[in-house]
C-alpha atoms as a PDB file:
ATOM      1  CA  MET A   1      21.972  44.711  15.083  1.00  0.00           C
ATOM      2  CA  VAL A   2      20.371  42.556  12.367  1.00  0.00           C
ATOM      3  CA  LYS A   3      21.603  39.433  14.150  1.00  0.00           C
ATOM      4  CA  THR A   4      20.001  40.655  17.384  1.00  0.00           C
ATOM      5  CA  LEU A   5      16.671  41.379  15.658  1.00  0.00           C
ATOM      6  CA  SER A   6      16.723  37.981  13.942  1.00  0.00           C
ATOM      7  CA  PHE A   7      17.391  36.317  17.296  1.00  0.00           C
ATOM      8  CA  ALA A   8      14.561  38.302  18.874  1.00  0.00           C
ATOM      9  CA  THR A   9      12.082  37.246  16.183  1.00  0.00           C
ATOM     10  CA  LEU A  10      12.928  33.567  16.587  1.00  0.00           C
ATOM     11  CA  HIS A  11      12.823  33.844  20.356  1.00  0.00           C
ATOM     12  CA  PHE A  12       9.403  35.559  20.316  1.00  0.00           C
ATOM     13  CA  CYS A  13       7.997  32.780  18.121  1.00  0.00           C
ATOM     14  CA  VAL A  14       9.405  29.993  20.287  1.00  0.00           C
ATOM     15  CA  ALA A  15       8.233  31.634  23.523  1.00  0.00           C
ATOM     16  CA  PHE A  16       4.718  32.153  22.165  1.00  0.00           C
ATOM     17  CA  THR A  17       4.449  28.602  20.829  1.00  0.00           C
ATOM     18  CA  ILE A  18       5.637  26.968  24.051  1.00  0.00           C
ATOM     19  CA  ALA A  19       3.465  29.154  26.309  1.00  0.00           C
ATOM     20  CA  TYR A  20       0.445  28.602  24.059  1.00  0.00           C
ATOM     21  CA  LEU A  21       0.967  24.829  23.975  1.00  0.00           C
ATOM     22  CA  PHE A  22       1.254  24.679  27.776  1.00  0.00           C
ATOM     23  CA  THR A  23      -1.677  26.973  28.566  1.00  0.00           C
ATOM     24  CA  GLY A  24      -3.908  26.951  25.475  1.00  0.00           C
ATOM     25  CA  SER A  25      -4.270  30.706  25.951  1.00  0.00           C
ATOM     26  CA  ILE A  26      -3.356  33.166  23.224  1.00  0.00           C
ATOM     27  CA  LEU A  27      -3.210  35.932  25.855  1.00  0.00           C
ATOM     28  CA  VAL A  28      -0.743  34.076  28.083  1.00  0.00           C
ATOM     29  CA  GLY A  29       1.258  33.001  25.028  1.00  0.00           C
ATOM     30  CA  GLY A  30       1.383  36.586  23.813  1.00  0.00           C
ATOM     31  CA  LEU A  31       2.434  37.955  27.191  1.00  0.00           C
ATOM     32  CA  MET A  32       5.154  35.352  27.565  1.00  0.00           C
ATOM     33  CA  ALA A  33       6.303  36.014  24.006  1.00  0.00           C
ATOM     34  CA  LEU A  34       6.726  39.691  24.859  1.00  0.00           C
ATOM     35  CA  ILE A  35       8.218  39.598  28.340  1.00  0.00           C
ATOM     36  CA  GLU A  36      10.716  36.741  28.422  1.00  0.00           C
ATOM     37  CA  PRO A  37      12.336  37.178  24.984  1.00  0.00           C
ATOM     38  CA  ALA A  38      12.453  40.959  25.373  1.00  0.00           C
ATOM     39  CA  CYS A  39      14.546  40.538  28.516  1.00  0.00           C
ATOM     40  CA  ASN A  40      16.749  37.915  26.870  1.00  0.00           C
ATOM     41  CA  THR A  41      17.229  40.045  23.753  1.00  0.00           C
ATOM     42  CA  VAL A  42      18.526  42.973  25.785  1.00  0.00           C
ATOM     43  CA  VAL A  43      20.848  40.680  27.729  1.00  0.00           C
ATOM     44  CA  PHE A  44      22.012  39.011  24.489  1.00  0.00           C
ATOM     45  CA  TYR A  45      22.850  42.386  22.915  1.00  0.00           C
ATOM     46  CA  PHE A  46      25.065  43.392  25.836  1.00  0.00           C
ATOM     47  CA  HIS A  47      26.577  39.904  26.010  1.00  0.00           C
ATOM     48  CA  GLU A  48      27.593  40.157  22.343  1.00  0.00           C
ATOM     49  CA  ARG A  49      29.157  43.586  22.916  1.00  0.00           C
ATOM     50  CA  ALA A  50      31.086  42.357  25.948  1.00  0.00           C
ATOM     51  CA  TRP A  51      32.206  39.206  24.126  1.00  0.00           C
ATOM     52  CA  HIS A  52      33.362  41.235  21.133  1.00  0.00           C
ATOM     53  CA  ARG A  53      35.306  43.594  23.428  1.00  0.00           C
ATOM     54  CA  HIS A  54      36.855  40.577  25.206  1.00  0.00           C
ATOM     55  CA  GLN A  55      37.983  39.047  21.905  1.00  0.00           C
ATOM     56  CA  HIS A  56      39.554  42.297  20.722  1.00  0.00           C
ATOM     57  CA  ALA A  57      41.340  42.868  24.031  1.00  0.00           C
ATOM     58  CA  HIS A  58      42.620  39.307  23.987  1.00  0.00           C
ATOM     59  CA  ALA A  59      43.750  39.528  20.342  1.00  0.00           C
ATOM     60  CA  SER A  60      45.718  42.727  20.969  1.00  0.00           C
ATOM     61  CA  THR A  61      47.865  41.069  23.642  1.00  0.00           C
ATOM     62  CA  PRO A  62      51.193  40.133  22.020  1.00  0.00           C
ATOM     63  CA  ASN A  63      52.017  36.414  21.973  1.00  0.00           C
ATOM     64  CA  ALA A  64      48.765  35.597  23.742  1.00  0.00           C
ATOM     65  CA  ARG A  65      47.495  32.076  23.290  1.00  0.00           C
ATOM     66  CA  ASP A  66      43.840  31.468  22.627  1.00  0.00           C
ATOM     67  CA  GLU A  67      42.431  29.784  25.737  1.00  0.00           C
ATOM     68  CA  HIS A  68      40.111  27.817  23.450  1.00  0.00           C
ATOM     69  CA  GLU A  69      42.814  26.890  20.968  1.00  0.00           C
ATOM     70  CA  TRP A  70      42.324  23.200  21.680  1.00  0.00           C
ATOM     71  CA  ALA A  71      38.777  23.410  20.275  1.00  0.00           C
ATOM     72  CA  TYR A  72      40.035  24.503  16.846  1.00  0.00           C
ATOM     73  CA  ALA A  73      42.525  21.689  16.393  1.00  0.00           C
ATOM     74  CA  ALA A  74      41.539  19.424  13.548  1.00  0.00           C
END
């Protein structure tokens, strides 16, 4: 949950800064900083839960190869 809140804080700041730079309006920047990151934060939270569940399900399969194994090769 801390990771999600940290992500949300960074996302709010980025959204506000970009909207403010494009429009010059604190109101528009504030609205964009509330709406867009709030939606993304909720989606991110559920994405993390689903990803975690996927990893555990995949890890519990006996003799299962990691489909991304090639990315870890050094």
